[in-house]
Every structure is written in C-alpha cells, then in structure tokens.
C-alpha cells in the first residue's frame, strides 16, 4: 500500500506535526501493509483482535479510535490543569498510537479468506514486531517505549505519560468492545 492510500484511509497520520516522524510512521505502515499484501478492503475488515469471538470492531477502526481517544484525553487534561498537567509530547503520543498495533499486520495472516494468527504471531506478539519496525525507521526511543509497553507486556515496566494515556485508551476500546 502506498503513502497516498494510507493517508486517505488513516488521516490521523496528519496529526503528527514533526515531518520526519510523520513520514517514518507512514513508511512503517507502508512496509507492514505490503508484508502480506494487505488491501484497503482487508484492512477495513480485519478484526482488531483475535483474542475474542464475534468482534464487530475492525482493526482500522480500533487504531483510529484509540488515536483519537489519546488526543482527546490529552486535550481534556490540558484544559483542566493547564501548566500543572504532566507534560505530554503530542507527536510522540500520536505516533505511538499509530504504531502500537502495526505489528498485528505481521501477527495476522490470511488463510482461506479468514484472518488467522500467523506463524510469526505464534512466536512474537505485535508490540515486539512494532518495536522492531521502529528501530528500522529511526523512530525515537520515546515512541518505541509507547509501542513496547502499551499492552500486557508492559504491565511491570514504568510507563511514560504518553504510554499511560495510550495504554488506558487502548484498553477502554478493547474492554468495551468485548462486552
């Protein structure tokens, strides 16, 4: 999938103001979507998790919604506390939100018209694959940290303010969708 298509399908990339970070984040998505030749139609229909049955929320809906929740959370905290608020790097927060689940495009595979766990996914969950891609594209360590600790793998590791916001936004969406 090319950059133009990704920007049409995921306009939240444009929330990243730092041009290099935005371009590298998009480049990771280009590589990840092309790894298994995911089409736009497939991305729009992949379930956001394989850990629950009858999931009605798609992968892209989840990624975009979690990103928007992160931004909204940061906005509310800024409005409420102004300069007393713990500083949050908005670009890192958005890039982390956009990259947290990109590894699922490696963790998942297509088999007989269904999305299944890939061989890769049987050995490495998406936070690990995501961080690996981040290294390749010179993503800042602060963003790699967000990707690495957003899921249960980070439960025993101190999270940055950006990682705390993403972790909770991710699980709000995950937990409410499974009810």
C-alpha atoms as a PDB file:
ATOM      1  CA  UNK A   1       0.000   0.000   0.000  1.00  0.00           C
ATOM      2  CA  UNK A   2       1.357   3.429  -0.820  1.00  0.00           C
ATOM      3  CA  UNK A   3       1.538   6.610   1.258  1.00  0.00           C
ATOM      4  CA  UNK A   4      -1.310   8.354  -0.565  1.00  0.00           C
ATOM      5  CA  UNK A   5      -3.702   5.485   0.094  1.00  0.00           C
ATOM      6  CA  UNK A   6      -2.673   5.220   3.731  1.00  0.00           C
ATOM      7  CA  UNK A   7      -3.279   8.947   4.260  1.00  0.00           C
ATOM      8  CA  UNK A   8      -6.740   8.609   2.721  1.00  0.00           C
ATOM      9  CA  UNK A   9      -7.648   5.662   4.938  1.00  0.00           C
ATOM     10  CA  UNK A  10      -5.880   6.890   8.097  1.00  0.00           C
ATOM     11  CA  UNK A  11      -5.924  10.707   8.135  1.00  0.00           C
ATOM     12  CA  UNK A  12      -4.722  10.719  11.762  1.00  0.00           C
ATOM     13  CA  UNK A  13      -1.156  10.459  10.448  1.00  0.00           C
ATOM     14  CA  UNK A  14      -1.516  14.191   9.761  1.00  0.00           C
ATOM     15  CA  UNK A  15      -1.841  14.891  13.496  1.00  0.00           C
ATOM     16  CA  UNK A  16       1.916  14.289  13.754  1.00  0.00           C
ATOM     17  CA  UNK A  17       3.429  17.736  13.230  1.00  0.00           C
ATOM     18  CA  UNK A  18       7.075  16.635  13.081  1.00  0.00           C
ATOM     19  CA  UNK A  19       7.543  15.871   9.382  1.00  0.00           C
ATOM     20  CA  UNK A  20      10.291  13.284   9.814  1.00  0.00           C
ATOM     21  CA  UNK A  21       8.373  11.403  12.497  1.00  0.00           C
ATOM     22  CA  UNK A  22       5.188  11.508  10.387  1.00  0.00           C
ATOM     23  CA  UNK A  23       6.995  10.272   7.267  1.00  0.00           C
ATOM     24  CA  UNK A  24       8.753   7.469   9.158  1.00  0.00           C
ATOM     25  CA  UNK A  25       5.498   6.421  10.829  1.00  0.00           C
ATOM     26  CA  UNK A  26       3.794   6.218   7.434  1.00  0.00           C
ATOM     27  CA  UNK A  27       6.789   4.324   5.993  1.00  0.00           C
ATOM     28  CA  UNK A  28       6.393   1.690   8.717  1.00  0.00           C
ATOM     29  CA  UNK A  29       2.751   1.282   7.766  1.00  0.00           C
ATOM     30  CA  UNK A  30       3.708   1.003   4.105  1.00  0.00           C
ATOM     31  CA  UNK A  31       6.135  -1.812   4.888  1.00  0.00           C
ATOM     32  CA  UNK A  32       3.722  -3.565   7.248  1.00  0.00           C
ATOM     33  CA  UNK A  33       0.780  -3.461   4.845  1.00  0.00           C
ATOM     34  CA  UNK A  34       2.946  -4.666   1.990  1.00  0.00           C
ATOM     35  CA  UNK A  35       4.449  -7.533   4.008  1.00  0.00           C
ATOM     36  CA  UNK A  36       1.355  -9.694   3.440  1.00  0.00           C
ATOM     37  CA  UNK A  37      -0.094  -7.536   0.671  1.00  0.00           C
ATOM     38  CA  UNK A  38      -2.973  -6.314   2.819  1.00  0.00           C
ATOM     39  CA  UNK A  39      -5.517  -4.435   0.719  1.00  0.00           C
ATOM     40  CA  UNK A  40      -7.568  -1.456   1.886  1.00  0.00           C
ATOM     41  CA  UNK A  41     -10.670  -3.659   1.852  1.00  0.00           C
ATOM     42  CA  UNK A  42      -8.916  -6.227   4.041  1.00  0.00           C
ATOM     43  CA  UNK A  43      -7.670  -3.553   6.449  1.00  0.00           C
ATOM     44  CA  UNK A  44     -11.227  -2.266   6.711  1.00  0.00           C
ATOM     45  CA  UNK A  45     -12.477  -5.754   7.630  1.00  0.00           C
ATOM     46  CA  UNK A  46      -9.703  -7.291   9.777  1.00  0.00           C
ATOM     47  CA  UNK A  47     -10.979  -7.798  13.336  1.00  0.00           C
ATOM     48  CA  UNK A  48      -8.999  -5.649  15.732  1.00  0.00           C
ATOM     49  CA  UNK A  49      -8.272  -8.675  17.912  1.00  0.00           C
ATOM     50  CA  UNK A  50      -8.190 -12.425  17.522  1.00  0.00           C
ATOM     51  CA  UNK A  51      -8.468 -12.834  21.314  1.00  0.00           C
ATOM     52  CA  UNK A  52     -12.281 -12.635  21.366  1.00  0.00           C
ATOM     53  CA  UNK A  53     -15.130 -14.115  19.347  1.00  0.00           C
ATOM     54  CA  UNK A  54     -17.673 -12.144  17.306  1.00  0.00           C
ATOM     55  CA  UNK A  55     -15.587  -8.970  17.246  1.00  0.00           C
ATOM     56  CA  UNK A  56     -17.509  -6.308  15.343  1.00  0.00           C
ATOM     57  CA  UNK A  57     -14.836  -3.609  15.534  1.00  0.00           C
ATOM     58  CA  UNK A  58     -12.230  -3.615  12.816  1.00  0.00           C
ATOM     59  CA  UNK A  59      -8.503  -3.178  13.104  1.00  0.00           C
ATOM     60  CA  UNK A  60      -8.510   0.252  11.429  1.00  0.00           C
ATOM     61  CA  UNK A  61     -11.478   1.437  13.477  1.00  0.00           C
ATOM     62  CA  UNK A  62      -9.588   0.457  16.621  1.00  0.00           C
ATOM     63  CA  UNK A  63      -6.316   2.129  15.597  1.00  0.00           C
ATOM     64  CA  UNK A  64      -8.057   5.347  14.580  1.00  0.00           C
ATOM     65  CA  UNK A  65     -10.374   5.411  17.604  1.00  0.00           C
ATOM     66  CA  UNK A  66      -7.575   4.817  20.091  1.00  0.00           C
ATOM     67  CA  UNK A  67      -5.529   7.588  18.482  1.00  0.00           C
ATOM     68  CA  UNK A  68      -8.470  10.000  18.736  1.00  0.00           C
ATOM     69  CA  UNK A  69      -9.094   8.995  22.368  1.00  0.00           C
ATOM     70  CA  UNK A  70      -5.435   9.697  23.177  1.00  0.00           C
ATOM     71  CA  UNK A  71      -5.657  13.181  21.684  1.00  0.00           C
ATOM     72  CA  UNK A  72      -8.972  13.852  23.435  1.00  0.00           C
ATOM     73  CA  UNK A  73      -7.561  12.714  26.775  1.00  0.00           C
ATOM     74  CA  UNK A  74      -4.544  14.982  26.383  1.00  0.00           C
ATOM     75  CA  UNK A  75      -6.848  17.884  25.425  1.00  0.00           C
ATOM     76  CA  UNK A  76      -9.080  17.372  28.478  1.00  0.00           C
ATOM     77  CA  UNK A  77      -6.110  17.159  30.841  1.00  0.00           C
ATOM     78  CA  UNK A  78      -4.579  20.304  29.329  1.00  0.00           C
ATOM     79  CA  UNK A  79      -7.867  22.203  29.621  1.00  0.00           C
ATOM     80  CA  UNK A  80      -8.379  21.079  33.209  1.00  0.00           C
ATOM     81  CA  UNK A  81      -4.877  21.538  34.599  1.00  0.00           C
ATOM     82  CA  UNK A  82      -3.087  23.898  32.201  1.00  0.00           C
ATOM     83  CA  UNK A  83       0.579  24.250  33.197  1.00  0.00           C
ATOM     84  CA  UNK A  84       0.098  21.882  36.182  1.00  0.00           C
ATOM     85  CA  UNK A  85      -0.545  18.994  33.790  1.00  0.00           C
ATOM     86  CA  UNK A  86       2.211  16.455  33.341  1.00  0.00           C
ATOM     87  CA  UNK A  87       3.888  17.392  30.041  1.00  0.00           C
ATOM     88  CA  UNK A  88       2.928  15.178  27.102  1.00  0.00           C
ATOM     89  CA  UNK A  89       4.651  15.188  23.735  1.00  0.00           C
ATOM     90  CA  UNK A  90       1.655  15.145  21.390  1.00  0.00           C
ATOM     91  CA  UNK A  91       3.679  13.953  18.394  1.00  0.00           C
ATOM     92  CA  UNK A  92       5.069  11.035  20.390  1.00  0.00           C
ATOM     93  CA  UNK A  93       1.596  10.235  21.717  1.00  0.00           C
ATOM     94  CA  UNK A  94       0.032  10.181  18.243  1.00  0.00           C
ATOM     95  CA  UNK A  95       2.922   8.285  16.638  1.00  0.00           C
ATOM     96  CA  UNK A  96       2.787   5.761  19.483  1.00  0.00           C
ATOM     97  CA  UNK A  97      -0.949   5.340  18.989  1.00  0.00           C
ATOM     98  CA  UNK A  98      -0.483   4.863  15.248  1.00  0.00           C
ATOM     99  CA  UNK A  99       2.332   2.334  15.721  1.00  0.00           C
ATOM    100  CA  UNK A 100       1.139   0.366  18.765  1.00  0.00           C
ATOM    101  CA  UNK A 101      -0.782  -2.194  16.700  1.00  0.00           C
ATOM    102  CA  UNK A 102       1.079  -2.035  13.384  1.00  0.00           C
ATOM    103  CA  UNK A 103       2.798  -5.292  14.363  1.00  0.00           C
ATOM    104  CA  UNK A 104      -0.584  -7.025  14.072  1.00  0.00           C
ATOM    105  CA  UNK A 105      -0.109  -6.883  10.315  1.00  0.00           C
ATOM    106  CA  UNK A 106       2.729  -9.385  10.908  1.00  0.00           C
ATOM    107  CA  UNK A 107       0.958 -11.231  13.732  1.00  0.00           C
ATOM    108  CA  UNK A 108      -2.022 -11.922  11.457  1.00  0.00           C
ATOM    109  CA  UNK A 109      -2.192 -13.779   8.162  1.00  0.00           C
ATOM    110  CA  UNK A 110      -4.792 -14.614   5.545  1.00  0.00           C
ATOM    111  CA  UNK A 111      -5.939 -18.193   5.162  1.00  0.00           C
ATOM    112  CA  UNK A 112      -8.931 -19.318   3.092  1.00  0.00           C
ATOM    113  CA  UNK A 113     -10.470 -15.848   3.248  1.00  0.00           C
ATOM    114  CA  UNK A 114     -10.114 -15.612   7.037  1.00  0.00           C
ATOM    115  CA  UNK A 115      -7.708 -13.699   9.243  1.00  0.00           C
ATOM    116  CA  UNK A 116      -5.711 -16.065  11.436  1.00  0.00           C
ATOM    117  CA  UNK A 117      -2.686 -15.926  13.698  1.00  0.00           C
ATOM    118  CA  UNK A 118       0.441 -16.230  11.574  1.00  0.00           C
ATOM    119  CA  UNK A 119       3.492 -18.343  12.342  1.00  0.00           C
ATOM    120  CA  UNK A 120       5.186 -15.055  13.252  1.00  0.00           C
ATOM    121  CA  UNK A 121       2.309 -14.292  15.636  1.00  0.00           C
ATOM    122  CA  UNK A 122       2.711 -17.613  17.395  1.00  0.00           C
ATOM    123  CA  UNK A 123       6.208 -16.535  18.461  1.00  0.00           C
ATOM    124  CA  UNK A 124       6.045 -12.728  18.644  1.00  0.00           C
ATOM    125  CA  UNK A 125       3.159 -10.522  19.684  1.00  0.00           C
ATOM    126  CA  UNK A 126       2.612  -7.219  17.923  1.00  0.00           C
ATOM    127  CA  UNK A 127       4.410  -4.945  20.450  1.00  0.00           C
ATOM    128  CA  UNK A 128       7.681  -6.748  19.658  1.00  0.00           C
ATOM    129  CA  UNK A 129       7.194  -6.582  15.892  1.00  0.00           C
ATOM    130  CA  UNK A 130       6.183  -2.941  16.166  1.00  0.00           C
ATOM    131  CA  UNK A 131       9.323  -2.006  18.076  1.00  0.00           C
ATOM    132  CA  UNK A 132      11.436  -3.906  15.545  1.00  0.00           C
ATOM    133  CA  UNK A 133       9.945  -1.830  12.735  1.00  0.00           C
ATOM    134  CA  UNK A 134      10.504   1.342  14.748  1.00  0.00           C
ATOM    135  CA  UNK A 135      14.225   0.587  15.016  1.00  0.00           C
ATOM    136  CA  UNK A 136      14.420   0.147  11.259  1.00  0.00           C
ATOM    137  CA  UNK A 137      12.824   3.558  10.617  1.00  0.00           C
ATOM    138  CA  UNK A 138      14.696   5.593  13.240  1.00  0.00           C
ATOM    139  CA  UNK A 139      11.661   6.203  15.423  1.00  0.00           C
ATOM    140  CA  UNK A 140      12.606   7.932  18.711  1.00  0.00           C
ATOM    141  CA  UNK A 141      13.068   5.710  21.754  1.00  0.00           C
ATOM    142  CA  UNK A 142      10.243   7.565  23.487  1.00  0.00           C
ATOM    143  CA  UNK A 143       7.828   6.330  20.817  1.00  0.00           C
ATOM    144  CA  UNK A 144       9.295   2.810  20.822  1.00  0.00           C
ATOM    145  CA  UNK A 145       8.659   2.770  24.566  1.00  0.00           C
ATOM    146  CA  UNK A 146       4.961   3.565  23.971  1.00  0.00           C
ATOM    147  CA  UNK A 147       4.683   0.728  21.438  1.00  0.00           C
ATOM    148  CA  UNK A 148       6.565  -1.703  23.688  1.00  0.00           C
ATOM    149  CA  UNK A 149       4.562  -1.138  26.879  1.00  0.00           C
ATOM    150  CA  UNK A 150       1.070  -0.436  25.546  1.00  0.00           C
ATOM    151  CA  UNK A 151      -0.150  -3.984  26.076  1.00  0.00           C
ATOM    152  CA  UNK A 152       0.172  -6.563  28.850  1.00  0.00           C
ATOM    153  CA  UNK A 153       3.887  -6.919  28.060  1.00  0.00           C
ATOM    154  CA  UNK A 154       4.419  -3.524  29.691  1.00  0.00           C
ATOM    155  CA  UNK A 155       2.482  -4.158  32.896  1.00  0.00           C
ATOM    156  CA  UNK A 156       5.613  -4.488  35.022  1.00  0.00           C
ATOM    157  CA  UNK A 157       7.569  -1.651  33.425  1.00  0.00           C
ATOM    158  CA  UNK A 158       7.229   2.060  34.295  1.00  0.00           C
ATOM    159  CA  UNK A 159       5.237   3.833  31.582  1.00  0.00           C
ATOM    160  CA  UNK A 160       5.835   7.371  30.341  1.00  0.00           C
ATOM    161  CA  UNK A 161       2.890   9.814  30.459  1.00  0.00           C
ATOM    162  CA  UNK A 162       2.245   9.169  26.749  1.00  0.00           C
ATOM    163  CA  UNK A 163       2.355   5.400  27.305  1.00  0.00           C
ATOM    164  CA  UNK A 164      -0.085   5.677  30.227  1.00  0.00           C
ATOM    165  CA  UNK A 165      -2.585   7.553  28.069  1.00  0.00           C
ATOM    166  CA  UNK A 166      -2.269   5.085  25.182  1.00  0.00           C
ATOM    167  CA  UNK A 167      -2.429   2.036  27.440  1.00  0.00           C
ATOM    168  CA  UNK A 168      -5.697   3.171  29.003  1.00  0.00           C
ATOM    169  CA  UNK A 169      -7.253   4.348  25.733  1.00  0.00           C
ATOM    170  CA  UNK A 170      -6.346   1.016  24.129  1.00  0.00           C
ATOM    171  CA  UNK A 171      -7.920  -0.991  26.944  1.00  0.00           C
ATOM    172  CA  UNK A 172     -11.010   1.210  27.129  1.00  0.00           C
ATOM    173  CA  UNK A 173     -11.649   0.329  23.499  1.00  0.00           C
ATOM    174  CA  UNK A 174     -10.590  -3.327  23.909  1.00  0.00           C
ATOM    175  CA  UNK A 175     -12.614  -3.979  27.073  1.00  0.00           C
ATOM    176  CA  UNK A 176     -15.804  -2.194  25.963  1.00  0.00           C
ATOM    177  CA  UNK A 177     -15.842  -3.875  22.572  1.00  0.00           C
ATOM    178  CA  UNK A 178     -15.685  -7.347  24.100  1.00  0.00           C
ATOM    179  CA  UNK A 179     -18.734  -6.853  26.355  1.00  0.00           C
END
